[in-house]
Amino acid sequence: MTDYSTAIIAMVAITAVITAGVVFVLKQPSDLPSVKKQQR
């Protein structure tokens, strides 16, 4: 049997990166209305 600990750790790391990316993207729209108001 193969030891899957490396694959499991890699999956956890990738999941953390994707989650951080999603949180970063979802925070952006809340900043956009203030940018639009400053342009007007």
PDB file of N, CA and C in Angstrom:
ATOM      1  N   MET A   1       0.839  -1.203   0.000  1.00  0.00           N
ATOM      2  CA  MET A   1       0.000   0.000   0.000  1.00  0.00           C
ATOM      3  C   MET A   1       0.875   1.256   0.000  1.00  0.00           C
ATOM      4  N   THR A   2       0.385   2.250  -0.672  1.00  0.00           N
ATOM      5  CA  THR A   2       1.128   3.513  -0.755  1.00  0.00           C
ATOM      6  C   THR A   2       0.729   4.423   0.400  1.00  0.00           C
ATOM      7  N   ASP A   3       1.715   5.157   0.904  1.00  0.00           N
ATOM      8  CA  ASP A   3       1.425   6.117   1.965  1.00  0.00           C
ATOM      9  C   ASP A   3       0.872   7.394   1.337  1.00  0.00           C
ATOM     10  N   TYR A   4      -0.343   7.714   1.689  1.00  0.00           N
ATOM     11  CA  TYR A   4      -1.023   8.851   1.060  1.00  0.00           C
ATOM     12  C   TYR A   4      -0.903  10.141   1.859  1.00  0.00           C
ATOM     13  N   SER A   5      -0.065  10.150   2.889  1.00  0.00           N
ATOM     14  CA  SER A   5       0.014  11.341   3.733  1.00  0.00           C
ATOM     15  C   SER A   5       0.457  12.573   2.938  1.00  0.00           C
ATOM     16  N   THR A   6       1.382  12.379   1.991  1.00  0.00           N
ATOM     17  CA  THR A   6       1.841  13.517   1.185  1.00  0.00           C
ATOM     18  C   THR A   6       0.699  14.062   0.336  1.00  0.00           C
ATOM     19  N   ALA A   7      -0.087  13.180  -0.270  1.00  0.00           N
ATOM     20  CA  ALA A   7      -1.220  13.619  -1.091  1.00  0.00           C
ATOM     21  C   ALA A   7      -2.262  14.322  -0.234  1.00  0.00           C
ATOM     22  N   ILE A   8      -2.508  13.813   0.971  1.00  0.00           N
ATOM     23  CA  ILE A   8      -3.501  14.434   1.856  1.00  0.00           C
ATOM     24  C   ILE A   8      -3.036  15.820   2.273  1.00  0.00           C
ATOM     25  N   ILE A   9      -1.761  15.954   2.608  1.00  0.00           N
ATOM     26  CA  ILE A   9      -1.223  17.266   2.986  1.00  0.00           C
ATOM     27  C   ILE A   9      -1.311  18.236   1.805  1.00  0.00           C
ATOM     28  N   ALA A  10      -1.018  17.743   0.604  1.00  0.00           N
ATOM     29  CA  ALA A  10      -1.112  18.586  -0.589  1.00  0.00           C
ATOM     30  C   ALA A  10      -2.548  19.029  -0.819  1.00  0.00           C
ATOM     31  N   MET A  11      -3.505  18.130  -0.642  1.00  0.00           N
ATOM     32  CA  MET A  11      -4.915  18.494  -0.822  1.00  0.00           C
ATOM     33  C   MET A  11      -5.345  19.548   0.186  1.00  0.00           C
ATOM     34  N   VAL A  12      -4.899  19.412   1.426  1.00  0.00           N
ATOM     35  CA  VAL A  12      -5.244  20.400   2.457  1.00  0.00           C
ATOM     36  C   VAL A  12      -4.634  21.747   2.100  1.00  0.00           C
ATOM     37  N   ALA A  13      -3.391  21.750   1.623  1.00  0.00           N
ATOM     38  CA  ALA A  13      -2.732  23.004   1.255  1.00  0.00           C
ATOM     39  C   ALA A  13      -3.439  23.666   0.078  1.00  0.00           C
ATOM     40  N   ILE A  14      -3.799  22.881  -0.934  1.00  0.00           N
ATOM     41  CA  ILE A  14      -4.499  23.434  -2.103  1.00  0.00           C
ATOM     42  C   ILE A  14      -5.860  23.979  -1.691  1.00  0.00           C
ATOM     43  N   THR A  15      -6.564  23.245  -0.823  1.00  0.00           N
ATOM     44  CA  THR A  15      -7.867  23.717  -0.345  1.00  0.00           C
ATOM     45  C   THR A  15      -7.722  25.040   0.400  1.00  0.00           C
ATOM     46  N   ALA A  16      -6.676  25.175   1.197  1.00  0.00           N
ATOM     47  CA  ALA A  16      -6.457  26.423   1.931  1.00  0.00           C
ATOM     48  C   ALA A  16      -6.185  27.584   0.973  1.00  0.00           C
ATOM     49  N   VAL A  17      -5.407  27.314  -0.069  1.00  0.00           N
ATOM     50  CA  VAL A  17      -5.104  28.367  -1.051  1.00  0.00           C
ATOM     51  C   VAL A  17      -6.369  28.778  -1.789  1.00  0.00           C
ATOM     52  N   ILE A  18      -7.170  27.809  -2.212  1.00  0.00           N
ATOM     53  CA  ILE A  18      -8.413  28.125  -2.928  1.00  0.00           C
ATOM     54  C   ILE A  18      -9.367  28.892  -2.018  1.00  0.00           C
ATOM     55  N   THR A  19      -9.473  28.466  -0.764  1.00  0.00           N
ATOM     56  CA  THR A  19     -10.360  29.154   0.180  1.00  0.00           C
ATOM     57  C   THR A  19      -9.908  30.593   0.390  1.00  0.00           C
ATOM     58  N   ALA A  20      -8.612  30.801   0.535  1.00  0.00           N
ATOM     59  CA  ALA A  20      -8.095  32.166   0.697  1.00  0.00           C
ATOM     60  C   ALA A  20      -8.392  33.002  -0.542  1.00  0.00           C
ATOM     61  N   GLY A  21      -8.261  32.401  -1.715  1.00  0.00           N
ATOM     62  CA  GLY A  21      -8.568  33.113  -2.964  1.00  0.00           C
ATOM     63  C   GLY A  21     -10.034  33.486  -3.048  1.00  0.00           C
ATOM     64  N   VAL A  22     -10.917  32.575  -2.657  1.00  0.00           N
ATOM     65  CA  VAL A  22     -12.357  32.857  -2.699  1.00  0.00           C
ATOM     66  C   VAL A  22     -12.706  33.970  -1.728  1.00  0.00           C
ATOM     67  N   VAL A  23     -12.152  33.923  -0.526  1.00  0.00           N
ATOM     68  CA  VAL A  23     -12.412  34.972   0.459  1.00  0.00           C
ATOM     69  C   VAL A  23     -11.914  36.316  -0.066  1.00  0.00           C
ATOM     70  N   PHE A  24     -10.746  36.316  -0.692  1.00  0.00           N
ATOM     71  CA  PHE A  24     -10.202  37.566  -1.240  1.00  0.00           C
ATOM     72  C   PHE A  24     -11.115  38.127  -2.322  1.00  0.00           C
ATOM     73  N   VAL A  25     -11.591  37.260  -3.227  1.00  0.00           N
ATOM     74  CA  VAL A  25     -12.459  37.711  -4.323  1.00  0.00           C
ATOM     75  C   VAL A  25     -13.792  38.199  -3.773  1.00  0.00           C
ATOM     76  N   LEU A  26     -14.343  37.506  -2.790  1.00  0.00           N
ATOM     77  CA  LEU A  26     -15.651  37.904  -2.263  1.00  0.00           C
ATOM     78  C   LEU A  26     -15.572  39.214  -1.485  1.00  0.00           C
ATOM     79  N   LYS A  27     -14.413  39.564  -0.975  1.00  0.00           N
ATOM     80  CA  LYS A  27     -14.282  40.843  -0.270  1.00  0.00           C
ATOM     81  C   LYS A  27     -14.239  42.016  -1.256  1.00  0.00           C
ATOM     82  N   GLN A  28     -13.880  41.788  -2.499  1.00  0.00           N
ATOM     83  CA  GLN A  28     -13.721  42.875  -3.463  1.00  0.00           C
ATOM     84  C   GLN A  28     -15.005  43.646  -3.761  1.00  0.00           C
ATOM     85  N   PRO A  29     -16.155  42.985  -4.029  1.00  0.00           N
ATOM     86  CA  PRO A  29     -17.352  43.755  -4.399  1.00  0.00           C
ATOM     87  C   PRO A  29     -17.762  44.780  -3.346  1.00  0.00           C
ATOM     88  N   SER A  30     -17.495  44.519  -2.072  1.00  0.00           N
ATOM     89  CA  SER A  30     -17.854  45.476  -1.039  1.00  0.00           C
ATOM     90  C   SER A  30     -17.014  46.751  -1.159  1.00  0.00           C
ATOM     91  N   ASP A  31     -15.833  46.637  -1.774  1.00  0.00           N
ATOM     92  CA  ASP A  31     -14.977  47.807  -1.949  1.00  0.00           C
ATOM     93  C   ASP A  31     -15.345  48.581  -3.220  1.00  0.00           C
ATOM     94  N   LEU A  32     -15.975  47.927  -4.185  1.00  0.00           N
ATOM     95  CA  LEU A  32     -16.239  48.571  -5.468  1.00  0.00           C
ATOM     96  C   LEU A  32     -17.216  49.738  -5.376  1.00  0.00           C
ATOM     97  N   PRO A  33     -18.322  49.656  -4.639  1.00  0.00           N
ATOM     98  CA  PRO A  33     -19.236  50.806  -4.605  1.00  0.00           C
ATOM     99  C   PRO A  33     -18.573  52.087  -4.106  1.00  0.00           C
ATOM    100  N   SER A  34     -17.660  51.984  -3.152  1.00  0.00           N
ATOM    101  CA  SER A  34     -16.981  53.177  -2.650  1.00  0.00           C
ATOM    102  C   SER A  34     -16.067  53.764  -3.736  1.00  0.00           C
ATOM    103  N   VAL A  35     -15.495  52.906  -4.592  1.00  0.00           N
ATOM    104  CA  VAL A  35     -14.664  53.397  -5.689  1.00  0.00           C
ATOM    105  C   VAL A  35     -15.535  54.102  -6.715  1.00  0.00           C
ATOM    106  N   LYS A  36     -16.692  53.551  -7.002  1.00  0.00           N
ATOM    107  CA  LYS A  36     -17.602  54.186  -7.967  1.00  0.00           C
ATOM    108  C   LYS A  36     -18.106  55.529  -7.454  1.00  0.00           C
ATOM    109  N   LYS A  37     -18.375  55.614  -6.159  1.00  0.00           N
ATOM    110  CA  LYS A  37     -18.860  56.867  -5.592  1.00  0.00           C
ATOM    111  C   LYS A  37     -17.776  57.946  -5.647  1.00  0.00           C
ATOM    112  N   GLN A  38     -16.517  57.564  -5.501  1.00  0.00           N
ATOM    113  CA  GLN A  38     -15.424  58.536  -5.546  1.00  0.00           C
ATOM    114  C   GLN A  38     -15.240  59.078  -6.962  1.00  0.00           C
ATOM    115  N   GLN A  39     -15.553  58.271  -7.977  1.00  0.00           N
ATOM    116  CA  GLN A  39     -15.385  58.715  -9.358  1.00  0.00           C
ATOM    117  C   GLN A  39     -16.450  59.739  -9.740  1.00  0.00           C
ATOM    118  N   ARG A  40     -17.645  59.664  -9.132  1.00  0.00           N
ATOM    119  CA  ARG A  40     -18.734  60.573  -9.503  1.00  0.00           C
ATOM    120  C   ARG A  40     -18.598  61.934  -8.945  1.00  0.00           C
TER     121      ARG A  40
END
